[in-house]
Amino acid sequence: MKIYNIKFKAILLGILILVFIILISSLLFSSTETIIMTSENYTEILKDIHDKPYDYENRKIEMIGYVFRTTDFNKNQFVIARDMLINESESRIVGFLCEYEKANEIENNEWIKGEGKIYIGDYHGAMPIVKINKVTQSEVPNQIWVYPPKAK
């Protein structure tokens, strides 16, 4: 009976240690760092977040771009946009849809740095949207173009 009791305690202790290791590693390796979008990584980050939006929900993000609006946006919505160069004669506007309480204070085509958090919202379907909490004016970056994400 004593041997059985020792084995049970050893197994229980092993399970507790395993649970402890899992909890600690999830805290240590969880991505809580702010995502910083640059000219070099802009489209890779944009694509990855759109491909796996729930993996990025509630993550902080910073980006620089110009303010772009379309007629169907709400008054508090805009895109922090960049021009993605497809080839020598073709480009596309790319970026995250953003929501900001003071959006009406920002002019179209103004270059800004936006900081906020990603959440899953709705714009013609579920998609990642950045809830902006801080906007600062930005100079136009040296590299105004961004390039399509690299094929994996």
C-alpha atoms as a PDB file:
ATOM      1  CA  MET A   1       0.000   0.000   0.000  1.00  0.00           C
ATOM      2  CA  LYS A   2       2.873   2.346   0.816  1.00  0.00           C
ATOM      3  CA  ILE A   3       4.491   1.798  -2.638  1.00  0.00           C
ATOM      4  CA  TYR A   4       1.177   2.614  -4.340  1.00  0.00           C
ATOM      5  CA  ASN A   5       0.889   5.840  -2.318  1.00  0.00           C
ATOM      6  CA  ILE A   6       4.446   6.913  -3.284  1.00  0.00           C
ATOM      7  CA  LYS A   7       3.766   6.262  -7.006  1.00  0.00           C
ATOM      8  CA  PHE A   8       0.517   8.229  -6.822  1.00  0.00           C
ATOM      9  CA  LYS A   9       2.279  11.188  -5.173  1.00  0.00           C
ATOM     10  CA  ALA A  10       5.084  11.069  -7.769  1.00  0.00           C
ATOM     11  CA  ILE A  11       2.574  11.069 -10.630  1.00  0.00           C
ATOM     12  CA  LEU A  12       0.591  13.899  -9.044  1.00  0.00           C
ATOM     13  CA  LEU A  13       3.775  15.919  -8.494  1.00  0.00           C
ATOM     14  CA  GLY A  14       4.805  15.311 -12.130  1.00  0.00           C
ATOM     15  CA  ILE A  15       1.421  16.546 -13.382  1.00  0.00           C
ATOM     16  CA  LEU A  16       1.628  19.663 -11.189  1.00  0.00           C
ATOM     17  CA  ILE A  17       5.147  20.431 -12.430  1.00  0.00           C
ATOM     18  CA  LEU A  18       4.010  20.001 -16.055  1.00  0.00           C
ATOM     19  CA  VAL A  19       1.044  22.347 -15.542  1.00  0.00           C
ATOM     20  CA  PHE A  20       3.343  24.877 -13.872  1.00  0.00           C
ATOM     21  CA  ILE A  21       5.821  24.722 -16.775  1.00  0.00           C
ATOM     22  CA  ILE A  22       3.029  25.204 -19.318  1.00  0.00           C
ATOM     23  CA  LEU A  23       1.650  28.220 -17.453  1.00  0.00           C
ATOM     24  CA  ILE A  24       5.045  29.863 -17.035  1.00  0.00           C
ATOM     25  CA  SER A  25       6.055  29.289 -20.662  1.00  0.00           C
ATOM     26  CA  SER A  26       2.763  30.703 -21.943  1.00  0.00           C
ATOM     27  CA  LEU A  27       3.374  33.845 -19.879  1.00  0.00           C
ATOM     28  CA  LEU A  28       7.003  34.169 -20.958  1.00  0.00           C
ATOM     29  CA  PHE A  29       6.466  33.496 -24.633  1.00  0.00           C
ATOM     30  CA  SER A  30       3.141  35.212 -25.200  1.00  0.00           C
ATOM     31  CA  SER A  31       3.476  38.027 -27.715  1.00  0.00           C
ATOM     32  CA  THR A  32       2.662  41.172 -25.827  1.00  0.00           C
ATOM     33  CA  GLU A  33       5.205  43.336 -27.590  1.00  0.00           C
ATOM     34  CA  THR A  34       3.933  46.099 -29.816  1.00  0.00           C
ATOM     35  CA  ILE A  35       3.921  45.289 -33.524  1.00  0.00           C
ATOM     36  CA  ILE A  36       5.853  48.024 -35.325  1.00  0.00           C
ATOM     37  CA  MET A  37       5.162  48.288 -39.037  1.00  0.00           C
ATOM     38  CA  THR A  38       7.962  49.697 -41.192  1.00  0.00           C
ATOM     39  CA  SER A  39       8.371  50.219 -44.932  1.00  0.00           C
ATOM     40  CA  GLU A  40      10.263  46.934 -45.038  1.00  0.00           C
ATOM     41  CA  ASN A  41       7.776  44.720 -43.166  1.00  0.00           C
ATOM     42  CA  TYR A  42       4.505  46.560 -43.865  1.00  0.00           C
ATOM     43  CA  THR A  43       2.878  44.148 -46.305  1.00  0.00           C
ATOM     44  CA  GLU A  44       4.097  40.981 -44.573  1.00  0.00           C
ATOM     45  CA  ILE A  45       2.504  42.114 -41.315  1.00  0.00           C
ATOM     46  CA  LEU A  46      -0.632  43.327 -43.087  1.00  0.00           C
ATOM     47  CA  LYS A  47      -1.059  39.979 -44.870  1.00  0.00           C
ATOM     48  CA  ASP A  48      -0.329  37.859 -41.795  1.00  0.00           C
ATOM     49  CA  ILE A  49      -2.816  39.771 -39.634  1.00  0.00           C
ATOM     50  CA  HIS A  50      -5.509  39.555 -42.314  1.00  0.00           C
ATOM     51  CA  ASP A  51      -4.800  35.827 -42.793  1.00  0.00           C
ATOM     52  CA  LYS A  52      -4.923  35.068 -39.035  1.00  0.00           C
ATOM     53  CA  PRO A  53      -6.801  37.963 -37.397  1.00  0.00           C
ATOM     54  CA  TYR A  54      -7.757  36.119 -34.228  1.00  0.00           C
ATOM     55  CA  ASP A  55      -4.078  35.424 -33.492  1.00  0.00           C
ATOM     56  CA  TYR A  56      -3.525  39.182 -33.291  1.00  0.00           C
ATOM     57  CA  GLU A  57      -6.662  40.303 -31.489  1.00  0.00           C
ATOM     58  CA  ASN A  58      -5.878  42.800 -28.678  1.00  0.00           C
ATOM     59  CA  ARG A  59      -2.259  43.214 -29.823  1.00  0.00           C
ATOM     60  CA  LYS A  60      -0.795  46.716 -29.843  1.00  0.00           C
ATOM     61  CA  ILE A  61       0.376  48.054 -33.188  1.00  0.00           C
ATOM     62  CA  GLU A  62       2.156  51.153 -34.530  1.00  0.00           C
ATOM     63  CA  MET A  63       2.291  52.268 -38.151  1.00  0.00           C
ATOM     64  CA  ILE A  64       3.116  55.259 -40.298  1.00  0.00           C
ATOM     65  CA  GLY A  65       1.117  56.085 -43.387  1.00  0.00           C
ATOM     66  CA  TYR A  66      -1.137  58.649 -44.955  1.00  0.00           C
ATOM     67  CA  VAL A  67      -4.823  59.063 -44.171  1.00  0.00           C
ATOM     68  CA  PHE A  68      -7.088  57.584 -46.832  1.00  0.00           C
ATOM     69  CA  ARG A  69     -10.883  57.593 -46.775  1.00  0.00           C
ATOM     70  CA  THR A  70     -13.667  56.314 -48.995  1.00  0.00           C
ATOM     71  CA  THR A  71     -17.262  57.480 -49.122  1.00  0.00           C
ATOM     72  CA  ASP A  72     -18.649  54.466 -47.264  1.00  0.00           C
ATOM     73  CA  PHE A  73     -16.482  54.905 -44.141  1.00  0.00           C
ATOM     74  CA  ASN A  74     -18.059  56.146 -40.941  1.00  0.00           C
ATOM     75  CA  LYS A  75     -16.943  59.598 -39.767  1.00  0.00           C
ATOM     76  CA  ASN A  76     -14.513  58.015 -37.274  1.00  0.00           C
ATOM     77  CA  GLN A  77     -12.901  55.654 -39.836  1.00  0.00           C
ATOM     78  CA  PHE A  78      -9.920  55.949 -42.148  1.00  0.00           C
ATOM     79  CA  VAL A  79      -7.076  53.817 -43.422  1.00  0.00           C
ATOM     80  CA  ILE A  80      -3.480  54.454 -42.429  1.00  0.00           C
ATOM     81  CA  ALA A  81      -2.348  53.709 -45.946  1.00  0.00           C
ATOM     82  CA  ARG A  82       0.736  53.079 -48.007  1.00  0.00           C
ATOM     83  CA  ASP A  83       1.115  52.644 -51.755  1.00  0.00           C
ATOM     84  CA  MET A  84       2.193  49.125 -52.670  1.00  0.00           C
ATOM     85  CA  LEU A  85       4.165  49.050 -55.903  1.00  0.00           C
ATOM     86  CA  ILE A  86       3.003  46.111 -58.035  1.00  0.00           C
ATOM     87  CA  ASN A  87       5.175  46.902 -61.064  1.00  0.00           C
ATOM     88  CA  GLU A  88       6.604  49.988 -62.787  1.00  0.00           C
ATOM     89  CA  SER A  89       3.189  51.304 -63.779  1.00  0.00           C
ATOM     90  CA  GLU A  90       0.808  49.894 -61.173  1.00  0.00           C
ATOM     91  CA  SER A  91       0.282  50.422 -57.472  1.00  0.00           C
ATOM     92  CA  ARG A  92      -2.404  49.661 -54.888  1.00  0.00           C
ATOM     93  CA  ILE A  93      -3.417  51.419 -51.698  1.00  0.00           C
ATOM     94  CA  VAL A  94      -2.961  49.068 -48.743  1.00  0.00           C
ATOM     95  CA  GLY A  95      -3.359  49.442 -45.000  1.00  0.00           C
ATOM     96  CA  PHE A  96      -5.499  48.838 -41.963  1.00  0.00           C
ATOM     97  CA  LEU A  97      -8.937  50.233 -41.453  1.00  0.00           C
ATOM     98  CA  CYS A  98      -8.706  52.349 -38.323  1.00  0.00           C
ATOM     99  CA  GLU A  99     -11.221  53.882 -35.961  1.00  0.00           C
ATOM    100  CA  TYR A 100     -10.389  57.011 -33.999  1.00  0.00           C
ATOM    101  CA  GLU A 101     -12.648  59.298 -31.966  1.00  0.00           C
ATOM    102  CA  LYS A 102     -10.968  62.432 -33.340  1.00  0.00           C
ATOM    103  CA  ALA A 103     -10.746  61.246 -36.947  1.00  0.00           C
ATOM    104  CA  ASN A 104     -12.419  64.432 -38.157  1.00  0.00           C
ATOM    105  CA  GLU A 105      -9.362  66.400 -36.948  1.00  0.00           C
ATOM    106  CA  ILE A 106      -7.088  64.603 -39.431  1.00  0.00           C
ATOM    107  CA  GLU A 107      -6.944  65.641 -43.083  1.00  0.00           C
ATOM    108  CA  ASN A 108      -6.962  63.230 -46.014  1.00  0.00           C
ATOM    109  CA  ASN A 109      -3.453  62.470 -47.302  1.00  0.00           C
ATOM    110  CA  GLU A 110      -1.855  63.693 -44.053  1.00  0.00           C
ATOM    111  CA  TRP A 111       1.060  61.503 -42.941  1.00  0.00           C
ATOM    112  CA  ILE A 112       0.590  60.239 -39.413  1.00  0.00           C
ATOM    113  CA  LYS A 113       1.877  57.710 -36.939  1.00  0.00           C
ATOM    114  CA  GLY A 114      -1.007  55.763 -35.433  1.00  0.00           C
ATOM    115  CA  GLU A 115      -0.851  53.644 -32.307  1.00  0.00           C
ATOM    116  CA  GLY A 116      -3.648  51.357 -31.224  1.00  0.00           C
ATOM    117  CA  LYS A 117      -4.982  47.866 -30.667  1.00  0.00           C
ATOM    118  CA  ILE A 118      -6.245  45.306 -33.127  1.00  0.00           C
ATOM    119  CA  TYR A 119      -9.769  43.996 -32.755  1.00  0.00           C
ATOM    120  CA  ILE A 120     -12.101  42.054 -35.023  1.00  0.00           C
ATOM    121  CA  GLY A 121     -14.728  44.367 -36.424  1.00  0.00           C
ATOM    122  CA  ASP A 122     -17.055  44.509 -39.383  1.00  0.00           C
ATOM    123  CA  TYR A 123     -16.532  46.228 -42.705  1.00  0.00           C
ATOM    124  CA  HIS A 124     -18.276  44.232 -45.416  1.00  0.00           C
ATOM    125  CA  GLY A 125     -17.555  41.200 -43.241  1.00  0.00           C
ATOM    126  CA  ALA A 126     -15.370  40.369 -40.269  1.00  0.00           C
ATOM    127  CA  MET A 127     -11.883  41.834 -40.459  1.00  0.00           C
ATOM    128  CA  PRO A 128      -9.090  43.190 -38.279  1.00  0.00           C
ATOM    129  CA  ILE A 129      -9.538  46.868 -37.435  1.00  0.00           C
ATOM    130  CA  VAL A 130      -7.166  49.053 -35.448  1.00  0.00           C
ATOM    131  CA  LYS A 131      -8.729  51.060 -32.643  1.00  0.00           C
ATOM    132  CA  ILE A 132      -6.392  54.074 -32.570  1.00  0.00           C
ATOM    133  CA  ASN A 133      -5.620  55.664 -29.202  1.00  0.00           C
ATOM    134  CA  LYS A 134      -2.783  57.993 -30.232  1.00  0.00           C
ATOM    135  CA  VAL A 135      -2.038  59.924 -33.412  1.00  0.00           C
ATOM    136  CA  THR A 136       1.004  62.072 -34.094  1.00  0.00           C
ATOM    137  CA  GLN A 137       1.999  63.860 -37.270  1.00  0.00           C
ATOM    138  CA  SER A 138       4.744  62.154 -39.221  1.00  0.00           C
ATOM    139  CA  GLU A 139       7.129  63.162 -41.921  1.00  0.00           C
ATOM    140  CA  VAL A 140       6.912  61.342 -45.209  1.00  0.00           C
ATOM    141  CA  PRO A 141       9.260  58.347 -44.900  1.00  0.00           C
ATOM    142  CA  ASN A 142      12.332  58.065 -47.123  1.00  0.00           C
ATOM    143  CA  GLN A 143      10.849  54.911 -48.630  1.00  0.00           C
ATOM    144  CA  ILE A 144       7.268  55.847 -49.540  1.00  0.00           C
ATOM    145  CA  TRP A 145       6.556  52.659 -51.474  1.00  0.00           C
ATOM    146  CA  VAL A 146       5.970  49.269 -49.941  1.00  0.00           C
ATOM    147  CA  TYR A 147       6.293  46.044 -51.893  1.00  0.00           C
ATOM    148  CA  PRO A 148       4.098  42.948 -52.104  1.00  0.00           C
ATOM    149  CA  PRO A 149       4.706  40.338 -49.424  1.00  0.00           C
ATOM    150  CA  LYS A 150       7.272  37.711 -50.288  1.00  0.00           C
ATOM    151  CA  ALA A 151       5.870  34.385 -51.442  1.00  0.00           C
ATOM    152  CA  LYS A 152       6.325  31.671 -48.818  1.00  0.00           C
END
